[in-house]
């Protein structure tokens, strides 16, 4: 009788091991599937934001007396953008210390659709050939027509 119990006991242990391994495998697979689904959803949302984003540089002025470039950019899309997420390149050089104002408000970080952002870049020693503004989601506009004042 001890032989029969040994076979039944080992079968139970193997069955329990398979059950635990299956549960662990299911948990890992379900977690991975959920992460993939969330990543696809985020990618779709980002794509929709990019499709609804349009920035247009209206005017670029270079002020000789103060070595400042003034850039007027309109958010022509429907996506609300963050001012802090907007980047400026003057002659292909990133300008991190630009001052900004949305419709005259220098404190806001919200750049809504149809509103104009004014960016002032200081310490530009020569008239730039090209200015580029890049929104937080990668949508950009550039301008090579600079008005000298």
Protein backbone atom coordinates (compact mmCIF):
# COMPACT_ATOMS: atom_id res chain seq x y z
CA UNK A 1 0.00 0.00 0.00
CA UNK A 2 2.87 2.36 0.51
CA UNK A 3 3.72 2.06 -3.18
CA UNK A 4 0.25 3.26 -4.24
CA UNK A 5 0.44 6.23 -1.90
CA UNK A 6 3.85 7.23 -3.29
CA UNK A 7 2.56 7.31 -6.84
CA UNK A 8 -0.55 9.26 -5.82
CA UNK A 9 1.53 11.67 -3.72
CA UNK A 10 4.03 12.32 -6.52
CA UNK A 11 1.18 12.82 -8.99
CA UNK A 12 -0.38 15.36 -6.63
CA UNK A 13 2.94 17.19 -6.25
CA UNK A 14 3.45 17.31 -10.03
CA UNK A 15 -0.14 18.48 -10.55
CA UNK A 16 0.32 21.20 -7.91
CA UNK A 17 3.58 22.31 -9.57
CA UNK A 18 1.90 22.50 -12.99
CA UNK A 19 -0.98 24.48 -11.47
CA UNK A 20 1.37 27.00 -9.82
CA UNK A 21 3.46 27.35 -13.01
CA UNK A 22 0.31 27.89 -15.10
CA UNK A 23 -0.92 30.57 -12.72
CA UNK A 24 2.41 32.37 -12.85
CA UNK A 25 2.55 32.12 -16.65
CA UNK A 26 -1.00 33.47 -16.98
CA UNK A 27 -0.25 36.41 -14.66
CA UNK A 28 2.88 37.34 -16.63
CA UNK A 29 1.13 36.98 -20.01
CA UNK A 30 -1.90 39.02 -18.89
CA UNK A 31 0.36 41.78 -17.52
CA UNK A 32 2.34 41.92 -20.74
CA UNK A 33 -0.82 42.02 -22.86
CA UNK A 34 -2.18 44.88 -20.74
CA UNK A 35 1.06 46.87 -21.10
CA UNK A 36 1.02 46.37 -24.88
CA UNK A 37 -2.60 47.50 -25.05
CA UNK A 38 -1.85 50.64 -22.99
CA UNK A 39 1.16 51.42 -25.21
CA UNK A 40 -0.99 51.13 -28.35
CA UNK A 41 -3.62 53.44 -26.81
CA UNK A 42 -0.97 56.03 -25.86
CA UNK A 43 0.52 55.84 -29.35
CA UNK A 44 -2.92 56.41 -30.89
CA UNK A 45 -3.50 59.42 -28.62
CA UNK A 46 -0.10 60.87 -29.51
CA UNK A 47 -0.82 60.40 -33.21
CA UNK A 48 -4.18 62.15 -32.85
CA UNK A 49 -2.50 65.05 -31.00
CA UNK A 50 0.08 65.40 -33.79
CA UNK A 51 -2.65 65.36 -36.44
CA UNK A 52 -4.54 68.10 -34.58
CA UNK A 53 -1.45 70.25 -34.03
CA UNK A 54 -0.40 73.01 -36.38
CA UNK A 55 2.03 75.77 -35.47
CA UNK A 56 2.65 78.66 -37.85
CA UNK A 57 5.38 81.25 -37.55
CA UNK A 58 3.70 84.55 -38.41
CA UNK A 59 6.62 86.93 -38.04
CA UNK A 60 10.29 86.96 -37.10
CA UNK A 61 11.99 90.21 -36.18
CA UNK A 62 15.65 90.79 -35.37
CA UNK A 63 16.31 93.84 -33.19
CA UNK A 64 19.80 95.18 -33.98
CA UNK A 65 19.96 97.43 -30.94
CA UNK A 66 19.25 94.68 -28.37
CA UNK A 67 20.50 91.58 -30.23
CA UNK A 68 17.08 89.99 -29.74
CA UNK A 69 14.98 87.84 -32.05
CA UNK A 70 11.21 88.18 -31.61
CA UNK A 71 9.16 85.26 -32.96
CA UNK A 72 5.35 85.33 -33.23
CA UNK A 73 3.90 81.84 -33.53
CA UNK A 74 0.22 80.93 -33.79
CA UNK A 75 -1.20 77.64 -32.55
CA UNK A 76 -3.35 77.00 -35.63
CA UNK A 77 -4.42 73.54 -34.49
CA UNK A 78 -6.93 72.33 -31.92
CA UNK A 79 -4.44 70.74 -29.54
CA UNK A 80 -3.59 72.79 -26.45
CA UNK A 81 0.19 72.94 -26.11
CA UNK A 82 2.53 73.63 -23.22
CA UNK A 83 4.73 76.70 -23.57
CA UNK A 84 7.51 74.98 -21.60
CA UNK A 85 7.41 72.08 -24.07
CA UNK A 86 8.06 74.38 -27.03
CA UNK A 87 11.62 74.58 -28.35
CA UNK A 88 13.29 77.26 -30.46
CA UNK A 89 16.20 76.87 -32.85
CA UNK A 90 17.95 79.91 -34.29
CA UNK A 91 20.29 79.02 -37.16
CA UNK A 92 20.06 75.36 -36.07
CA UNK A 93 21.14 76.10 -32.50
CA UNK A 94 18.86 75.32 -29.58
CA UNK A 95 17.97 78.41 -27.53
CA UNK A 96 16.95 77.33 -24.00
CA UNK A 97 16.76 80.78 -22.40
CA UNK A 98 13.98 82.37 -24.44
CA UNK A 99 11.30 84.46 -22.73
CA UNK A 100 7.70 83.77 -23.72
CA UNK A 101 4.24 85.31 -23.56
CA UNK A 102 0.89 83.97 -24.75
CA UNK A 103 -1.35 86.87 -25.77
CA UNK A 104 0.66 89.11 -23.41
CA UNK A 105 0.56 86.72 -20.42
CA UNK A 106 4.13 85.85 -19.39
CA UNK A 107 3.06 83.57 -16.51
CA UNK A 108 0.96 81.00 -18.35
CA UNK A 109 2.15 77.64 -19.65
CA UNK A 110 -1.05 76.99 -21.64
CA UNK A 111 -0.95 77.75 -25.35
CA UNK A 112 -4.44 77.12 -26.69
CA UNK A 113 -5.64 76.84 -30.26
CA UNK A 114 -5.87 80.13 -32.13
CA UNK A 115 -3.62 81.93 -29.64
CA UNK A 116 -0.30 83.59 -30.43
CA UNK A 117 2.91 82.84 -28.58
CA UNK A 118 5.61 85.51 -28.62
CA UNK A 119 9.13 84.18 -28.06
CA UNK A 120 12.05 86.54 -27.42
CA UNK A 121 15.53 85.08 -27.82
CA UNK A 122 18.29 87.32 -26.51
CA UNK A 123 22.04 87.41 -27.18
CA UNK A 124 21.73 86.73 -30.91
CA UNK A 125 24.75 88.59 -32.26
CA UNK A 126 23.84 88.50 -35.96
CA UNK A 127 20.72 88.44 -38.08
CA UNK A 128 19.60 84.80 -38.25
CA UNK A 129 19.06 83.03 -41.55
CA UNK A 130 16.51 80.58 -40.20
CA UNK A 131 14.27 80.20 -37.17
CA UNK A 132 12.44 77.01 -36.22
CA UNK A 133 9.81 76.44 -33.52
CA UNK A 134 9.05 72.88 -32.40
CA UNK A 135 5.98 72.00 -30.31
CA UNK A 136 6.12 69.44 -27.52
CA UNK A 137 4.81 66.66 -29.77
CA UNK A 138 7.34 67.27 -32.55
CA UNK A 139 5.23 69.37 -34.92
CA UNK A 140 7.34 72.26 -36.20
CA UNK A 141 7.41 75.28 -38.47
CA UNK A 142 10.39 77.22 -39.74
CA UNK A 143 10.89 80.63 -41.25
CA UNK A 144 13.80 82.04 -43.22
CA UNK A 145 12.31 85.52 -43.71
CA UNK A 146 13.61 87.75 -40.93
CA UNK A 147 12.62 91.40 -40.61
CA UNK A 148 15.47 93.54 -39.29
CA UNK A 149 14.54 96.46 -37.03
